[in-house]
Full PDB file with SEQRES, HELIX, SHEET, SSBOND, CRYST1, ORIGX, SCALE, CONECT and MASTER records, all heavy atoms in Angstrom:
SEQRES   1 A   35  ALA GLY GLU LYS HIS ALA MET ARG LEU LEU GLY GLN ALA          
SEQRES   2 A   35  TYR ARG HIS GLY GLN GLY LEU GLU ALA ASP ARG ALA VAL          
SEQRES   3 A   35  SER LEU ASP TRP TYR ARG LYS GLY ALA                          
HELIX    1 AA1 LYS A    4  HIS A   16  1                                  13    
HELIX    2 AA2 ARG A   24  GLY A   34  1                                  11    
CRYST1    1.000    1.000    1.000  90.00  90.00  90.00 P 1           1          
ORIGX1      1.000000  0.000000  0.000000        0.00000                         
ORIGX2      0.000000  1.000000  0.000000        0.00000                         
ORIGX3      0.000000  0.000000  1.000000        0.00000                         
SCALE1      1.000000  0.000000  0.000000        0.00000                         
SCALE2      0.000000  1.000000  0.000000        0.00000                         
SCALE3      0.000000  0.000000  1.000000        0.00000                         
ATOM      1  N   ALA A   1      22.142 134.013 301.174  1.00  0.00           N  
ATOM      2  CA  ALA A   1      22.098 135.397 301.629  1.00  0.00           C  
ATOM      3  C   ALA A   1      20.676 135.839 301.983  1.00  0.00           C  
ATOM      4  O   ALA A   1      20.463 136.984 302.362  1.00  0.00           O  
ATOM      5  CB  ALA A   1      22.680 136.313 300.561  1.00  0.00           C  
ATOM      6  N   GLY A   2      19.706 134.906 301.837  1.00  0.00           N  
ATOM      7  CA  GLY A   2      18.332 135.212 302.229  1.00  0.00           C  
ATOM      8  C   GLY A   2      17.402 135.622 301.102  1.00  0.00           C  
ATOM      9  O   GLY A   2      16.272 136.034 301.364  1.00  0.00           O  
ATOM     10  N   GLU A   3      17.836 135.510 299.856  1.00  0.00           N  
ATOM     11  CA  GLU A   3      16.999 135.918 298.724  1.00  0.00           C  
ATOM     12  C   GLU A   3      15.931 134.858 298.471  1.00  0.00           C  
ATOM     13  O   GLU A   3      16.221 133.734 298.074  1.00  0.00           O  
ATOM     14  CB  GLU A   3      17.879 136.120 297.491  1.00  0.00           C  
ATOM     15  CG  GLU A   3      17.358 137.149 296.509  1.00  0.00           C  
ATOM     16  CD  GLU A   3      16.063 136.760 295.832  1.00  0.00           C  
ATOM     17  OE1 GLU A   3      16.002 135.665 295.258  1.00  0.00           O  
ATOM     18  OE2 GLU A   3      15.105 137.544 295.897  1.00  0.00           O  
ATOM     19  N   LYS A   4      14.671 135.229 298.708  1.00  0.00           N  
ATOM     20  CA  LYS A   4      13.563 134.267 298.667  1.00  0.00           C  
ATOM     21  C   LYS A   4      13.294 133.689 297.278  1.00  0.00           C  
ATOM     22  O   LYS A   4      12.899 132.535 297.154  1.00  0.00           O  
ATOM     23  CB  LYS A   4      12.303 134.890 299.247  1.00  0.00           C  
ATOM     24  CG  LYS A   4      11.777 136.075 298.481  1.00  0.00           C  
ATOM     25  CD  LYS A   4      10.612 136.728 299.208  1.00  0.00           C  
ATOM     26  CE  LYS A   4      10.111 137.936 298.453  1.00  0.00           C  
ATOM     27  NZ  LYS A   4       9.063 138.615 299.197  1.00  0.00           N  
ATOM     28  N   HIS A   5      13.503 134.462 296.226  1.00  0.00           N  
ATOM     29  CA  HIS A   5      13.265 133.925 294.882  1.00  0.00           C  
ATOM     30  C   HIS A   5      14.284 132.846 294.527  1.00  0.00           C  
ATOM     31  O   HIS A   5      13.967 131.878 293.845  1.00  0.00           O  
ATOM     32  CB  HIS A   5      13.259 135.047 293.851  1.00  0.00           C  
ATOM     33  CG  HIS A   5      12.141 136.015 294.071  1.00  0.00           C  
ATOM     34  ND1 HIS A   5      12.317 137.195 294.731  1.00  0.00           N  
ATOM     35  CD2 HIS A   5      10.827 135.948 293.764  1.00  0.00           C  
ATOM     36  CE1 HIS A   5      11.158 137.834 294.825  1.00  0.00           C  
ATOM     37  NE2 HIS A   5      10.237 137.101 294.249  1.00  0.00           N  
ATOM     38  N   ALA A   6      15.502 133.020 295.015  1.00  0.00           N  
ATOM     39  CA  ALA A   6      16.523 131.989 294.803  1.00  0.00           C  
ATOM     40  C   ALA A   6      16.144 130.712 295.549  1.00  0.00           C  
ATOM     41  O   ALA A   6      16.381 129.607 295.061  1.00  0.00           O  
ATOM     42  CB  ALA A   6      17.877 132.502 295.259  1.00  0.00           C  
ATOM     43  N   MET A   7      15.551 130.873 296.722  1.00  0.00           N  
ATOM     44  CA  MET A   7      15.089 129.700 297.476  1.00  0.00           C  
ATOM     45  C   MET A   7      14.023 128.949 296.673  1.00  0.00           C  
ATOM     46  O   MET A   7      14.023 127.722 296.621  1.00  0.00           O  
ATOM     47  CB  MET A   7      14.542 130.129 298.833  1.00  0.00           C  
ATOM     48  CG  MET A   7      15.577 130.718 299.749  1.00  0.00           C  
ATOM     49  SD  MET A   7      14.804 131.364 301.257  1.00  0.00           S  
ATOM     50  CE  MET A   7      16.152 132.316 301.945  1.00  0.00           C  
ATOM     51  N   ARG A   8      13.133 129.711 296.047  1.00  0.00           N  
ATOM     52  CA  ARG A   8      12.096 129.102 295.202  1.00  0.00           C  
ATOM     53  C   ARG A   8      12.735 128.336 294.047  1.00  0.00           C  
ATOM     54  O   ARG A   8      12.354 127.204 293.752  1.00  0.00           O  
ATOM     55  CB  ARG A   8      11.159 130.170 294.648  1.00  0.00           C  
ATOM     56  CG  ARG A   8      10.106 129.592 293.710  1.00  0.00           C  
ATOM     57  CD  ARG A   8       9.405 130.590 292.822  1.00  0.00           C  
ATOM     58  NE  ARG A   8       9.055 131.842 293.464  1.00  0.00           N  
ATOM     59  CZ  ARG A   8       8.643 132.905 292.778  1.00  0.00           C  
ATOM     60  NH1 ARG A   8       8.534 132.862 291.471  1.00  0.00           N  
ATOM     61  NH2 ARG A   8       8.339 134.018 293.394  1.00  0.00           N  
ATOM     62  N   LEU A   9      13.705 128.965 293.382  1.00  0.00           N  
ATOM     63  CA  LEU A   9      14.366 128.321 292.246  1.00  0.00           C  
ATOM     64  C   LEU A   9      15.068 127.032 292.669  1.00  0.00           C  
ATOM     65  O   LEU A   9      14.995 126.025 291.966  1.00  0.00           O  
ATOM     66  CB  LEU A   9      15.362 129.286 291.607  1.00  0.00           C  
ATOM     67  CG  LEU A   9      14.742 130.503 290.921  1.00  0.00           C  
ATOM     68  CD1 LEU A   9      15.831 131.479 290.497  1.00  0.00           C  
ATOM     69  CD2 LEU A   9      13.893 130.092 289.742  1.00  0.00           C  
ATOM     70  N   LEU A  10      15.734 127.055 293.814  1.00  0.00           N  
ATOM     71  CA  LEU A  10      16.404 125.847 294.291  1.00  0.00           C  
ATOM     72  C   LEU A  10      15.386 124.769 294.666  1.00  0.00           C  
ATOM     73  O   LEU A  10      15.594 123.584 294.387  1.00  0.00           O  
ATOM     74  CB  LEU A  10      17.307 126.171 295.482  1.00  0.00           C  
ATOM     75  CG  LEU A  10      18.594 126.895 295.135  1.00  0.00           C  
ATOM     76  CD1 LEU A  10      19.326 127.325 296.397  1.00  0.00           C  
ATOM     77  CD2 LEU A  10      19.490 126.033 294.261  1.00  0.00           C  
ATOM     78  N   GLY A  11      14.292 125.171 295.284  1.00  0.00           N  
ATOM     79  CA  GLY A  11      13.240 124.204 295.605  1.00  0.00           C  
ATOM     80  C   GLY A  11      12.722 123.506 294.365  1.00  0.00           C  
ATOM     81  O   GLY A  11      12.573 122.282 294.329  1.00  0.00           O  
ATOM     82  N   GLN A  12      12.481 124.278 293.320  1.00  0.00           N  
ATOM     83  CA  GLN A  12      12.003 123.709 292.060  1.00  0.00           C  
ATOM     84  C   GLN A  12      13.071 122.834 291.404  1.00  0.00           C  
ATOM     85  O   GLN A  12      12.774 121.763 290.880  1.00  0.00           O  
ATOM     86  CB  GLN A  12      11.578 124.817 291.098  1.00  0.00           C  
ATOM     87  CG  GLN A  12      10.258 125.458 291.457  1.00  0.00           C  
ATOM     88  CD  GLN A  12       9.108 124.487 291.353  1.00  0.00           C  
ATOM     89  OE1 GLN A  12       8.742 123.810 292.313  1.00  0.00           O  
ATOM     90  NE2 GLN A  12       8.528 124.397 290.180  1.00  0.00           N  
ATOM     91  N   ALA A  13      14.316 123.298 291.424  1.00  0.00           N  
ATOM     92  CA  ALA A  13      15.400 122.535 290.794  1.00  0.00           C  
ATOM     93  C   ALA A  13      15.559 121.177 291.467  1.00  0.00           C  
ATOM     94  O   ALA A  13      15.704 120.153 290.792  1.00  0.00           O  
ATOM     95  CB  ALA A  13      16.700 123.329 290.859  1.00  0.00           C  
ATOM     96  N   TYR A  14      15.514 121.154 292.795  1.00  0.00           N  
ATOM     97  CA  TYR A  14      15.629 119.877 293.504  1.00  0.00           C  
ATOM     98  C   TYR A  14      14.381 119.017 293.329  1.00  0.00           C  
ATOM     99  O   TYR A  14      14.466 117.804 293.238  1.00  0.00           O  
ATOM    100  CB  TYR A  14      15.899 120.102 294.997  1.00  0.00           C  
ATOM    101  CG  TYR A  14      17.348 120.320 295.304  1.00  0.00           C  
ATOM    102  CD1 TYR A  14      17.818 121.592 295.620  1.00  0.00           C  
ATOM    103  CD2 TYR A  14      18.256 119.268 295.269  1.00  0.00           C  
ATOM    104  CE1 TYR A  14      19.158 121.801 295.899  1.00  0.00           C  
ATOM    105  CE2 TYR A  14      19.601 119.474 295.545  1.00  0.00           C  
ATOM    106  CZ  TYR A  14      20.039 120.743 295.863  1.00  0.00           C  
ATOM    107  OH  TYR A  14      21.372 120.946 296.127  1.00  0.00           O  
ATOM    108  N   ARG A  15      13.235 119.623 293.259  1.00  0.00           N  
ATOM    109  CA  ARG A  15      11.996 118.846 293.106  1.00  0.00           C  
ATOM    110  C   ARG A  15      11.957 118.132 291.760  1.00  0.00           C  
ATOM    111  O   ARG A  15      11.546 116.988 291.653  1.00  0.00           O  
ATOM    112  CB  ARG A  15      10.780 119.736 293.263  1.00  0.00           C  
ATOM    113  CG  ARG A  15       9.474 118.962 293.165  1.00  0.00           C  
ATOM    114  CD  ARG A  15       8.338 119.742 293.800  1.00  0.00           C  
ATOM    115  NE  ARG A  15       7.175 118.918 293.991  1.00  0.00           N  
ATOM    116  CZ  ARG A  15       6.915 118.184 295.074  1.00  0.00           C  
ATOM    117  NH1 ARG A  15       7.759 118.173 296.072  1.00  0.00           N  
ATOM    118  NH2 ARG A  15       5.823 117.473 295.157  1.00  0.00           N  
ATOM    119  N   HIS A  16      12.385 118.841 290.706  1.00  0.00           N  
ATOM    120  CA  HIS A  16      12.256 118.305 289.352  1.00  0.00           C  
ATOM    121  C   HIS A  16      13.577 117.814 288.759  1.00  0.00           C  
ATOM    122  O   HIS A  16      13.610 117.430 287.588  1.00  0.00           O  
ATOM    123  CB  HIS A  16      11.631 119.358 288.436  1.00  0.00           C  
ATOM    124  CG  HIS A  16      10.273 119.784 288.888  1.00  0.00           C  
ATOM    125  ND1 HIS A  16       9.172 118.960 288.832  1.00  0.00           N  
ATOM    126  CD2 HIS A  16       9.849 120.938 289.459  1.00  0.00           C  
ATOM    127  CE1 HIS A  16       8.131 119.599 289.323  1.00  0.00           C  
ATOM    128  NE2 HIS A  16       8.507 120.792 289.717  1.00  0.00           N  
ATOM    129  N   GLY A  17      14.647 117.860 289.541  1.00  0.00           N  
ATOM    130  CA  GLY A  17      15.935 117.401 289.026  1.00  0.00           C  
ATOM    131  C   GLY A  17      16.432 118.241 287.874  1.00  0.00           C  
ATOM    132  O   GLY A  17      16.942 117.721 286.890  1.00  0.00           O  
ATOM    133  N   GLN A  18      16.299 119.551 287.999  1.00  0.00           N  
ATOM    134  CA  GLN A  18      16.716 120.468 286.930  1.00  0.00           C  
ATOM    135  C   GLN A  18      18.150 120.936 287.182  1.00  0.00           C  
ATOM    136  O   GLN A  18      18.387 121.834 287.980  1.00  0.00           O  
ATOM    137  CB  GLN A  18      15.767 121.671 286.874  1.00  0.00           C  
ATOM    138  CG  GLN A  18      14.353 121.281 286.527  1.00  0.00           C  
ATOM    139  CD  GLN A  18      13.366 122.415 286.752  1.00  0.00           C  
ATOM    140  OE1 GLN A  18      13.529 123.249 287.630  1.00  0.00           O  
ATOM    141  NE2 GLN A  18      12.307 122.413 285.958  1.00  0.00           N  
ATOM    142  N   GLY A  19      19.100 120.277 286.529  1.00  0.00           N  
ATOM    143  CA  GLY A  19      20.492 120.653 286.674  1.00  0.00           C  
ATOM    144  C   GLY A  19      21.197 119.981 287.831  1.00  0.00           C  
ATOM    145  O   GLY A  19      22.369 120.224 288.064  1.00  0.00           O  
ATOM    146  N   LEU A  20      20.492 119.185 288.575  1.00  0.00           N  
ATOM    147  CA  LEU A  20      21.059 118.428 289.680  1.00  0.00           C  
ATOM    148  C   LEU A  20      20.151 117.239 289.972  1.00  0.00           C  
ATOM    149  O   LEU A  20      19.068 117.122 289.401  1.00  0.00           O  
ATOM    150  CB  LEU A  20      21.224 119.308 290.926  1.00  0.00           C  
ATOM    151  CG  LEU A  20      20.122 120.324 291.244  1.00  0.00           C  
ATOM    152  CD1 LEU A  20      18.927 119.666 291.858  1.00  0.00           C  
ATOM    153  CD2 LEU A  20      20.676 121.381 292.155  1.00  0.00           C  
ATOM    154  N   GLU A  21      20.598 116.363 290.839  1.00  0.00           N  
ATOM    155  CA  GLU A  21      19.794 115.176 291.143  1.00  0.00           C  
ATOM    156  C   GLU A  21      18.554 115.565 291.946  1.00  0.00           C  
ATOM    157  O   GLU A  21      18.643 116.339 292.909  1.00  0.00           O  
ATOM    158  CB  GLU A  21      20.625 114.173 291.938  1.00  0.00           C  
ATOM    159  CG  GLU A  21      19.930 112.844 292.119  1.00  0.00           C  
ATOM    160  CD  GLU A  21      20.837 111.800 292.747  1.00  0.00           C  
ATOM    161  OE1 GLU A  21      22.060 111.897 292.588  1.00  0.00           O  
ATOM    162  OE2 GLU A  21      20.283 110.896 293.383  1.00  0.00           O  
ATOM    163  N   ALA A  22      17.405 115.055 291.542  1.00  0.00           N  
ATOM    164  CA  ALA A  22      16.167 115.338 292.259  1.00  0.00           C  
ATOM    165  C   ALA A  22      16.273 114.844 293.695  1.00  0.00           C  
ATOM    166  O   ALA A  22      16.777 113.748 293.950  1.00  0.00           O  
ATOM    167  CB  ALA A  22      14.979 114.680 291.564  1.00  0.00           C  
ATOM    168  N   ASP A  23      15.809 115.679 294.618  1.00  0.00           N  
ATOM    169  CA  ASP A  23      15.805 115.331 296.034  1.00  0.00           C  
ATOM    170  C   ASP A  23      14.638 116.071 296.685  1.00  0.00           C  
ATOM    171  O   ASP A  23      14.725 117.260 296.966  1.00  0.00           O  
ATOM    172  CB  ASP A  23      17.134 115.719 296.681  1.00  0.00           C  
ATOM    173  CG  ASP A  23      17.257 115.239 298.119  1.00  0.00           C  
ATOM    174  OD1 ASP A  23      16.224 115.156 298.825  1.00  0.00           O  
ATOM    175  OD2 ASP A  23      18.387 114.951 298.538  1.00  0.00           O  
ATOM    176  N   ARG A  24      13.544 115.338 296.883  1.00  0.00           N  
ATOM    177  CA  ARG A  24      12.327 115.977 297.381  1.00  0.00           C  
ATOM    178  C   ARG A  24      12.487 116.507 298.808  1.00  0.00           C  
ATOM    179  O   ARG A  24      11.880 117.515 299.159  1.00  0.00           O  
ATOM    180  CB  ARG A  24      11.155 115.022 297.274  1.00  0.00           C  
ATOM    181  CG  ARG A  24      10.718 114.892 295.795  1.00  0.00           C  
ATOM    182  CD  ARG A  24       9.809 113.736 295.585  1.00  0.00           C  
ATOM    183  NE  ARG A  24       8.478 113.810 295.118  1.00  0.00           N  
ATOM    184  CZ  ARG A  24       7.865 114.694 294.353  1.00  0.00           C  
ATOM    185  NH1 ARG A  24       8.467 115.766 293.991  1.00  0.00           N  
ATOM    186  NH2 ARG A  24       6.635 114.543 293.960  1.00  0.00           N  
ATOM    187  N   ALA A  25      13.307 115.875 299.626  1.00  0.00           N  
ATOM    188  CA  ALA A  25      13.518 116.362 300.991  1.00  0.00           C  
ATOM    189  C   ALA A  25      14.241 117.716 300.970  1.00  0.00           C  
ATOM    190  O   ALA A  25      13.857 118.643 301.689  1.00  0.00           O  
ATOM    191  CB  ALA A  25      14.304 115.345 301.811  1.00  0.00           C  
ATOM    192  N   VAL A  26      15.268 117.835 300.124  1.00  0.00           N  
ATOM    193  CA  VAL A  26      15.990 119.101 300.013  1.00  0.00           C  
ATOM    194  C   VAL A  26      15.076 120.156 299.393  1.00  0.00           C  
ATOM    195  O   VAL A  26      15.066 121.314 299.819  1.00  0.00           O  
ATOM    196  CB  VAL A  26      17.290 118.930 299.198  1.00  0.00           C  
ATOM    197  CG1 VAL A  26      17.970 120.270 298.957  1.00  0.00           C  
ATOM    198  CG2 VAL A  26      18.230 117.974 299.916  1.00  0.00           C  
ATOM    199  N   SER A  27      14.280 119.751 298.414  1.00  0.00           N  
ATOM    200  CA  SER A  27      13.318 120.658 297.803  1.00  0.00           C  
ATOM    201  C   SER A  27      12.370 121.229 298.866  1.00  0.00           C  
ATOM    202  O   SER A  27      12.147 122.440 298.932  1.00  0.00           O  
ATOM    203  CB  SER A  27      12.510 119.926 296.723  1.00  0.00           C  
ATOM    204  OG  SER A  27      11.455 120.726 296.266  1.00  0.00           O  
ATOM    205  N   LEU A  28      11.848 120.351 299.687  1.00  0.00           N  
ATOM    206  CA  LEU A  28      10.915 120.783 300.731  1.00  0.00           C  
ATOM    207  C   LEU A  28      11.602 121.731 301.715  1.00  0.00           C  
ATOM    208  O   LEU A  28      10.994 122.714 302.158  1.00  0.00           O  
ATOM    209  CB  LEU A  28      10.333 119.566 301.449  1.00  0.00           C  
ATOM    210  CG  LEU A  28       9.237 119.837 302.463  1.00  0.00           C  
ATOM    211  CD1 LEU A  28       8.051 120.549 301.820  1.00  0.00           C  
ATOM    212  CD2 LEU A  28       8.778 118.518 303.094  1.00  0.00           C  
ATOM    213  N   ASP A  29      12.857 121.467 302.043  1.00  0.00           N  
ATOM    214  CA  ASP A  29      13.594 122.381 302.928  1.00  0.00           C  
ATOM    215  C   ASP A  29      13.682 123.777 302.319  1.00  0.00           C  
ATOM    216  O   ASP A  29      13.500 124.780 303.015  1.00  0.00           O  
ATOM    217  CB  ASP A  29      15.008 121.855 303.199  1.00  0.00           C  
ATOM    218  CG  ASP A  29      15.024 120.697 304.184  1.00  0.00           C  
ATOM    219  OD1 ASP A  29      14.029 120.495 304.917  1.00  0.00           O  
ATOM    220  OD2 ASP A  29      16.055 119.986 304.215  1.00  0.00           O  
ATOM    221  N   TRP A  30      13.956 123.845 301.003  1.00  0.00           N  
ATOM    222  CA  TRP A  30      14.032 125.161 300.361  1.00  0.00           C  
ATOM    223  C   TRP A  30      12.663 125.825 300.321  1.00  0.00           C  
ATOM    224  O   TRP A  30      12.555 127.041 300.483  1.00  0.00           O  
ATOM    225  CB  TRP A  30      14.647 125.057 298.971  1.00  0.00           C  
ATOM    226  CG  TRP A  30      16.138 124.958 299.035  1.00  0.00           C  
ATOM    227  CD1 TRP A  30      16.910 123.896 298.655  1.00  0.00           C  
ATOM    228  CD2 TRP A  30      17.040 125.940 299.548  1.00  0.00           C  
ATOM    229  NE1 TRP A  30      18.238 124.166 298.893  1.00  0.00           N  
ATOM    230  CE2 TRP A  30      18.348 125.417 299.448  1.00  0.00           C  
ATOM    231  CE3 TRP A  30      16.872 127.208 300.087  1.00  0.00           C  
ATOM    232  CZ2 TRP A  30      19.479 126.122 299.858  1.00  0.00           C  
ATOM    233  CZ3 TRP A  30      17.996 127.920 300.495  1.00  0.00           C  
ATOM    234  CH2 TRP A  30      19.270 127.379 300.386  1.00  0.00           C  
ATOM    235  N   TYR A  31      11.610 125.050 300.100  1.00  0.00           N  
ATOM    236  CA  TYR A  31      10.264 125.633 300.132  1.00  0.00           C  
ATOM    237  C   TYR A  31       9.946 126.188 301.514  1.00  0.00           C  
ATOM    238  O   TYR A  31       9.358 127.266 301.650  1.00  0.00           O  
ATOM    239  CB  TYR A  31       9.203 124.604 299.739  1.00  0.00           C  
ATOM    240  CG  TYR A  31       9.182 124.234 298.282  1.00  0.00           C  
ATOM    241  CD1 TYR A  31       8.621 123.034 297.882  1.00  0.00           C  
ATOM    242  CD2 TYR A  31       9.693 125.063 297.300  1.00  0.00           C  
ATOM    243  CE1 TYR A  31       8.576 122.674 296.541  1.00  0.00           C  
ATOM    244  CE2 TYR A  31       9.658 124.712 295.963  1.00  0.00           C  
ATOM    245  CZ  TYR A  31       9.102 123.522 295.590  1.00  0.00           C  
ATOM    246  OH  TYR A  31       9.049 123.161 294.269  1.00  0.00           O  
ATOM    247  N   ARG A  32      10.332 125.462 302.554  1.00  0.00           N  
ATOM    248  CA  ARG A  32      10.105 125.955 303.928  1.00  0.00           C  
ATOM    249  C   ARG A  32      10.854 127.262 304.163  1.00  0.00           C  
ATOM    250  O   ARG A  32      10.299 128.218 304.716  1.00  0.00           O  
ATOM    251  CB  ARG A  32      10.555 124.920 304.952  1.00  0.00           C  
ATOM    252  CG  ARG A  32       9.646 123.733 305.100  1.00  0.00           C  
ATOM    253  CD  ARG A  32      10.156 122.805 306.214  1.00  0.00           C  
ATOM    254  NE  ARG A  32       9.565 121.491 306.171  1.00  0.00           N  
ATOM    255  CZ  ARG A  32       8.362 121.176 306.615  1.00  0.00           C  
ATOM    256  NH1 ARG A  32       7.593 122.111 307.148  1.00  0.00           N  
ATOM    257  NH2 ARG A  32       7.916 119.938 306.537  1.00  0.00           N  
ATOM    258  N   LYS A  33      12.109 127.310 303.739  1.00  0.00           N  
ATOM    259  CA  LYS A  33      12.904 128.531 303.914  1.00  0.00           C  
ATOM    260  C   LYS A  33      12.316 129.687 303.111  1.00  0.00           C  
ATOM    261  O   LYS A  33      12.212 130.816 303.605  1.00  0.00           O  
ATOM    262  CB  LYS A  33      14.353 128.279 303.504  1.00  0.00           C  
ATOM    263  CG  LYS A  33      15.094 127.366 304.452  1.00  0.00           C  
ATOM    264  CD  LYS A  33      16.472 127.023 303.911  1.00  0.00           C  
ATOM    265  CE  LYS A  33      17.147 125.997 304.816  1.00  0.00           C  
ATOM    266  NZ  LYS A  33      18.426 125.531 304.262  1.00  0.00           N  
ATOM    267  N   GLY A  34      11.936 129.407 301.869  1.00  0.00           N  
ATOM    268  CA  GLY A  34      11.352 130.449 301.032  1.00  0.00           C  
ATOM    269  C   GLY A  34      10.021 130.940 301.576  1.00  0.00           C  
ATOM    270  O   GLY A  34       9.731 132.138 301.543  1.00  0.00           O  
ATOM    271  N   ALA A  35       9.217 130.022 302.090  1.00  0.00           N  
ATOM    272  CA  ALA A  35       7.929 130.408 302.676  1.00  0.00           C  
ATOM    273  C   ALA A  35       8.159 131.299 303.889  1.00  0.00           C  
ATOM    274  O   ALA A  35       7.504 132.339 304.046  1.00  0.00           O  
ATOM    275  CB  ALA A  35       7.127 129.166 303.061  1.00  0.00           C  
TER     276      ALA A  35                                                      
MASTER        0    0    0    2    0    0    0    6  275    1    0    3          
END                                                                             
């Protein structure tokens, strides 16, 4: 829905594998969207 803090949380979750499998490419996509 465009909430930037949620994008940050998903970026971190994917980067560090918090609650899901780590995926640095997906993490970077969320960081780009959040930025």
